[in-house]
Amino acid sequence: MATAVLVEAAVPGRRRAGTAEHPLEVDLPAGSVALRGLLEAVVRAEVAAFADRARLRSVLSVLTERSLADGLSAGAVRHGESEAARDADVDPDQAVAAALEAHQDGIFKVFIDDEPVDDLDQVVTIRPDSRLMFLRLVALAGG
């Protein structure tokens, strides 16, 4: 059974970096789960959503007036994505491993309903309206 949660990724100091909060169906029932399992479910759901968007772009690619004007001002008009970018497959297992390693290395913090969760083995409670924030940590210059 899947649970719908709200997911947000943020990078401090960068207004446009990260993504806006968005709903995501994770392949977990509502209830208790270790952070490790939650991260795996979120990464797999995001990889699947990415693949769906890539397939849609390969089927429906429209050159709009704005994209034409942007391309002309940049010196290159492109219709859709390059074949290499479109055909790039993401391995869900590698994506999960990279996310778990990044968390262990302190690259990002996880907040569930505004509460920090640091330990991958910590059991957390997920509700259908839970809010997950992934906050990428940025090293300070000179520190």
C-alpha atoms as a PDB file:
ATOM      1  CA  MET A   1       0.000   0.000   0.000  1.00  0.00           C
ATOM      2  CA  ALA A   2       1.339   3.422  -0.948  1.00  0.00           C
ATOM      3  CA  THR A   3       1.300   6.520   1.228  1.00  0.00           C
ATOM      4  CA  ALA A   4       1.170  10.056  -0.152  1.00  0.00           C
ATOM      5  CA  VAL A   5       3.645  12.404   1.528  1.00  0.00           C
ATOM      6  CA  LEU A   6       4.845  15.935   0.763  1.00  0.00           C
ATOM      7  CA  VAL A   7       8.518  16.192  -0.170  1.00  0.00           C
ATOM      8  CA  GLU A   8      10.748  19.262  -0.299  1.00  0.00           C
ATOM      9  CA  ALA A   9      14.439  19.531  -1.113  1.00  0.00           C
ATOM     10  CA  ALA A  10      16.269  22.693  -0.094  1.00  0.00           C
ATOM     11  CA  VAL A  11      19.739  24.193  -0.286  1.00  0.00           C
ATOM     12  CA  PRO A  12      20.411  27.017   2.201  1.00  0.00           C
ATOM     13  CA  GLY A  13      21.251  30.359   0.630  1.00  0.00           C
ATOM     14  CA  ARG A  14      19.968  29.436  -2.807  1.00  0.00           C
ATOM     15  CA  ARG A  15      16.463  30.546  -3.531  1.00  0.00           C
ATOM     16  CA  ARG A  16      16.147  28.720  -6.820  1.00  0.00           C
ATOM     17  CA  ALA A  17      18.081  25.583  -5.882  1.00  0.00           C
ATOM     18  CA  GLY A  18      16.152  22.533  -4.834  1.00  0.00           C
ATOM     19  CA  THR A  19      12.538  21.899  -5.645  1.00  0.00           C
ATOM     20  CA  ALA A  20       9.239  23.193  -4.446  1.00  0.00           C
ATOM     21  CA  GLU A  21       7.253  21.019  -2.113  1.00  0.00           C
ATOM     22  CA  HIS A  22       5.491  18.329  -4.112  1.00  0.00           C
ATOM     23  CA  PRO A  23       3.312  15.310  -3.347  1.00  0.00           C
ATOM     24  CA  LEU A  24       4.891  11.899  -3.748  1.00  0.00           C
ATOM     25  CA  GLU A  25       3.446   8.400  -3.468  1.00  0.00           C
ATOM     26  CA  VAL A  26       5.915   6.190  -1.612  1.00  0.00           C
ATOM     27  CA  ASP A  27       5.597   2.422  -1.632  1.00  0.00           C
ATOM     28  CA  LEU A  28       5.159   2.162   2.140  1.00  0.00           C
ATOM     29  CA  PRO A  29       2.090   1.817   4.314  1.00  0.00           C
ATOM     30  CA  ALA A  30       1.429   4.611   6.801  1.00  0.00           C
ATOM     31  CA  GLY A  31       2.958   3.786  10.163  1.00  0.00           C
ATOM     32  CA  SER A  32       6.396   3.035  11.548  1.00  0.00           C
ATOM     33  CA  VAL A  33       9.466   2.575   9.354  1.00  0.00           C
ATOM     34  CA  ALA A  34      13.214   3.018   9.757  1.00  0.00           C
ATOM     35  CA  LEU A  35      14.605   6.166   8.132  1.00  0.00           C
ATOM     36  CA  ARG A  36      16.690   3.902   5.855  1.00  0.00           C
ATOM     37  CA  GLY A  37      13.500   2.297   4.458  1.00  0.00           C
ATOM     38  CA  LEU A  38      11.818   5.674   4.054  1.00  0.00           C
ATOM     39  CA  LEU A  39      14.798   7.090   2.150  1.00  0.00           C
ATOM     40  CA  GLU A  40      14.842   4.041  -0.110  1.00  0.00           C
ATOM     41  CA  ALA A  41      11.113   4.390  -0.851  1.00  0.00           C
ATOM     42  CA  VAL A  42      11.424   8.132  -1.552  1.00  0.00           C
ATOM     43  CA  VAL A  43      14.433   7.704  -3.862  1.00  0.00           C
ATOM     44  CA  ARG A  44      12.739   4.886  -5.784  1.00  0.00           C
ATOM     45  CA  ALA A  45       9.554   6.968  -6.173  1.00  0.00           C
ATOM     46  CA  GLU A  46      11.561  10.007  -7.366  1.00  0.00           C
ATOM     47  CA  VAL A  47      13.524   7.871  -9.868  1.00  0.00           C
ATOM     48  CA  ALA A  48      10.247   6.459 -11.223  1.00  0.00           C
ATOM     49  CA  ALA A  49       8.775   9.978 -11.497  1.00  0.00           C
ATOM     50  CA  PHE A  50      11.932  11.160 -13.302  1.00  0.00           C
ATOM     51  CA  ALA A  51      11.665   8.265 -15.774  1.00  0.00           C
ATOM     52  CA  ASP A  52       7.978   9.056 -16.376  1.00  0.00           C
ATOM     53  CA  ARG A  53       8.790  12.723 -17.082  1.00  0.00           C
ATOM     54  CA  ALA A  54      11.611  11.707 -19.446  1.00  0.00           C
ATOM     55  CA  ARG A  55       9.278   9.376 -21.370  1.00  0.00           C
ATOM     56  CA  LEU A  56       6.655  12.116 -21.605  1.00  0.00           C
ATOM     57  CA  ARG A  57       9.221  14.616 -22.923  1.00  0.00           C
ATOM     58  CA  SER A  58      10.331  12.144 -25.582  1.00  0.00           C
ATOM     59  CA  VAL A  59       6.735  11.708 -26.750  1.00  0.00           C
ATOM     60  CA  LEU A  60       5.564  15.306 -26.423  1.00  0.00           C
ATOM     61  CA  SER A  61       8.149  17.881 -27.389  1.00  0.00           C
ATOM     62  CA  VAL A  62       6.881  21.243 -28.554  1.00  0.00           C
ATOM     63  CA  LEU A  63       9.027  24.166 -29.633  1.00  0.00           C
ATOM     64  CA  THR A  64       7.281  27.199 -28.151  1.00  0.00           C
ATOM     65  CA  GLU A  65       7.785  30.819 -29.160  1.00  0.00           C
ATOM     66  CA  ARG A  66       9.617  31.455 -25.890  1.00  0.00           C
ATOM     67  CA  SER A  67      11.967  28.465 -26.289  1.00  0.00           C
ATOM     68  CA  LEU A  68      12.650  29.574 -29.866  1.00  0.00           C
ATOM     69  CA  ALA A  69      13.456  33.127 -28.731  1.00  0.00           C
ATOM     70  CA  ASP A  70      15.624  31.815 -25.869  1.00  0.00           C
ATOM     71  CA  GLY A  71      17.461  29.535 -28.271  1.00  0.00           C
ATOM     72  CA  LEU A  72      18.026  32.300 -30.796  1.00  0.00           C
ATOM     73  CA  SER A  73      19.430  34.607 -28.126  1.00  0.00           C
ATOM     74  CA  ALA A  74      21.704  31.804 -26.873  1.00  0.00           C
ATOM     75  CA  GLY A  75      22.864  31.011 -30.416  1.00  0.00           C
ATOM     76  CA  ALA A  76      21.436  27.481 -30.617  1.00  0.00           C
ATOM     77  CA  VAL A  77      17.850  26.349 -31.040  1.00  0.00           C
ATOM     78  CA  ARG A  78      17.217  22.849 -29.753  1.00  0.00           C
ATOM     79  CA  HIS A  79      14.026  20.892 -30.172  1.00  0.00           C
ATOM     80  CA  GLY A  80      13.595  18.757 -27.075  1.00  0.00           C
ATOM     81  CA  GLU A  81      16.451  17.029 -25.294  1.00  0.00           C
ATOM     82  CA  SER A  82      19.486  15.425 -26.847  1.00  0.00           C
ATOM     83  CA  GLU A  83      19.263  11.691 -27.445  1.00  0.00           C
ATOM     84  CA  ALA A  84      21.915  11.036 -24.806  1.00  0.00           C
ATOM     85  CA  ALA A  85      20.027  12.982 -22.130  1.00  0.00           C
ATOM     86  CA  ARG A  86      16.701  11.469 -23.119  1.00  0.00           C
ATOM     87  CA  ASP A  87      18.021   7.930 -23.086  1.00  0.00           C
ATOM     88  CA  ALA A  88      19.926   8.301 -19.802  1.00  0.00           C
ATOM     89  CA  ASP A  89      18.613   5.632 -17.470  1.00  0.00           C
ATOM     90  CA  VAL A  90      18.887   5.966 -13.729  1.00  0.00           C
ATOM     91  CA  ASP A  91      19.529   2.754 -11.818  1.00  0.00           C
ATOM     92  CA  PRO A  92      17.241   2.873  -8.748  1.00  0.00           C
ATOM     93  CA  ASP A  93      19.601   0.649  -6.733  1.00  0.00           C
ATOM     94  CA  GLN A  94      22.549   2.964  -7.416  1.00  0.00           C
ATOM     95  CA  ALA A  95      20.422   6.011  -6.605  1.00  0.00           C
ATOM     96  CA  VAL A  96      19.387   4.484  -3.262  1.00  0.00           C
ATOM     97  CA  ALA A  97      22.992   3.586  -2.430  1.00  0.00           C
ATOM     98  CA  ALA A  98      24.153   7.114  -3.301  1.00  0.00           C
ATOM     99  CA  ALA A  99      21.420   8.702  -1.150  1.00  0.00           C
ATOM    100  CA  LEU A 100      22.204   6.496   1.849  1.00  0.00           C
ATOM    101  CA  GLU A 101      25.933   7.214   1.509  1.00  0.00           C
ATOM    102  CA  ALA A 102      25.286  10.949   1.186  1.00  0.00           C
ATOM    103  CA  HIS A 103      23.199  10.888   4.363  1.00  0.00           C
ATOM    104  CA  GLN A 104      25.871   8.945   6.242  1.00  0.00           C
ATOM    105  CA  ASP A 105      28.497  11.432   5.010  1.00  0.00           C
ATOM    106  CA  GLY A 106      26.448  14.352   6.360  1.00  0.00           C
ATOM    107  CA  ILE A 107      25.664  15.837   2.940  1.00  0.00           C
ATOM    108  CA  PHE A 108      22.003  16.335   3.847  1.00  0.00           C
ATOM    109  CA  LYS A 109      19.686  16.231   6.829  1.00  0.00           C
ATOM    110  CA  VAL A 110      16.185  14.818   6.949  1.00  0.00           C
ATOM    111  CA  PHE A 111      13.256  16.466   8.713  1.00  0.00           C
ATOM    112  CA  ILE A 112       9.983  14.620   9.106  1.00  0.00           C
ATOM    113  CA  ASP A 113       7.112  16.866  10.131  1.00  0.00           C
ATOM    114  CA  ASP A 114       9.698  19.504  11.140  1.00  0.00           C
ATOM    115  CA  GLU A 115      11.612  17.087  13.411  1.00  0.00           C
ATOM    116  CA  PRO A 116      15.230  16.207  12.524  1.00  0.00           C
ATOM    117  CA  VAL A 117      16.026  12.528  12.055  1.00  0.00           C
ATOM    118  CA  ASP A 118      19.740  11.671  11.959  1.00  0.00           C
ATOM    119  CA  ASP A 119      20.078   7.910  12.444  1.00  0.00           C
ATOM    120  CA  LEU A 120      19.274   5.706   9.428  1.00  0.00           C
ATOM    121  CA  ASP A 121      18.037   3.000  11.796  1.00  0.00           C
ATOM    122  CA  GLN A 122      15.766   5.350  13.760  1.00  0.00           C
ATOM    123  CA  VAL A 123      12.124   4.344  13.479  1.00  0.00           C
ATOM    124  CA  VAL A 124       9.840   7.158  12.361  1.00  0.00           C
ATOM    125  CA  THR A 125       6.091   7.386  11.918  1.00  0.00           C
ATOM    126  CA  ILE A 126       4.756   8.270   8.489  1.00  0.00           C
ATOM    127  CA  ARG A 127       1.226   9.559   8.026  1.00  0.00           C
ATOM    128  CA  PRO A 128      -0.552  10.211   4.726  1.00  0.00           C
ATOM    129  CA  ASP A 129       0.044  13.955   5.231  1.00  0.00           C
ATOM    130  CA  SER A 130       3.640  13.760   6.509  1.00  0.00           C
ATOM    131  CA  ARG A 131       6.036  16.448   5.309  1.00  0.00           C
ATOM    132  CA  LEU A 132       9.580  15.375   4.448  1.00  0.00           C
ATOM    133  CA  MET A 133      12.347  17.914   3.967  1.00  0.00           C
ATOM    134  CA  PHE A 134      15.764  17.038   2.616  1.00  0.00           C
ATOM    135  CA  LEU A 135      18.130  19.860   3.526  1.00  0.00           C
ATOM    136  CA  ARG A 136      21.463  19.816   1.736  1.00  0.00           C
ATOM    137  CA  LEU A 137      24.238  21.079   3.990  1.00  0.00           C
ATOM    138  CA  VAL A 138      26.707  23.550   2.548  1.00  0.00           C
ATOM    139  CA  ALA A 139      30.256  23.968   3.854  1.00  0.00           C
ATOM    140  CA  LEU A 140      31.178  27.471   4.972  1.00  0.00           C
ATOM    141  CA  ALA A 141      34.071  29.125   3.168  1.00  0.00           C
ATOM    142  CA  GLY A 142      37.173  29.448   5.319  1.00  0.00           C
ATOM    143  CA  GLY A 143      35.760  27.172   7.994  1.00  0.00           C
END
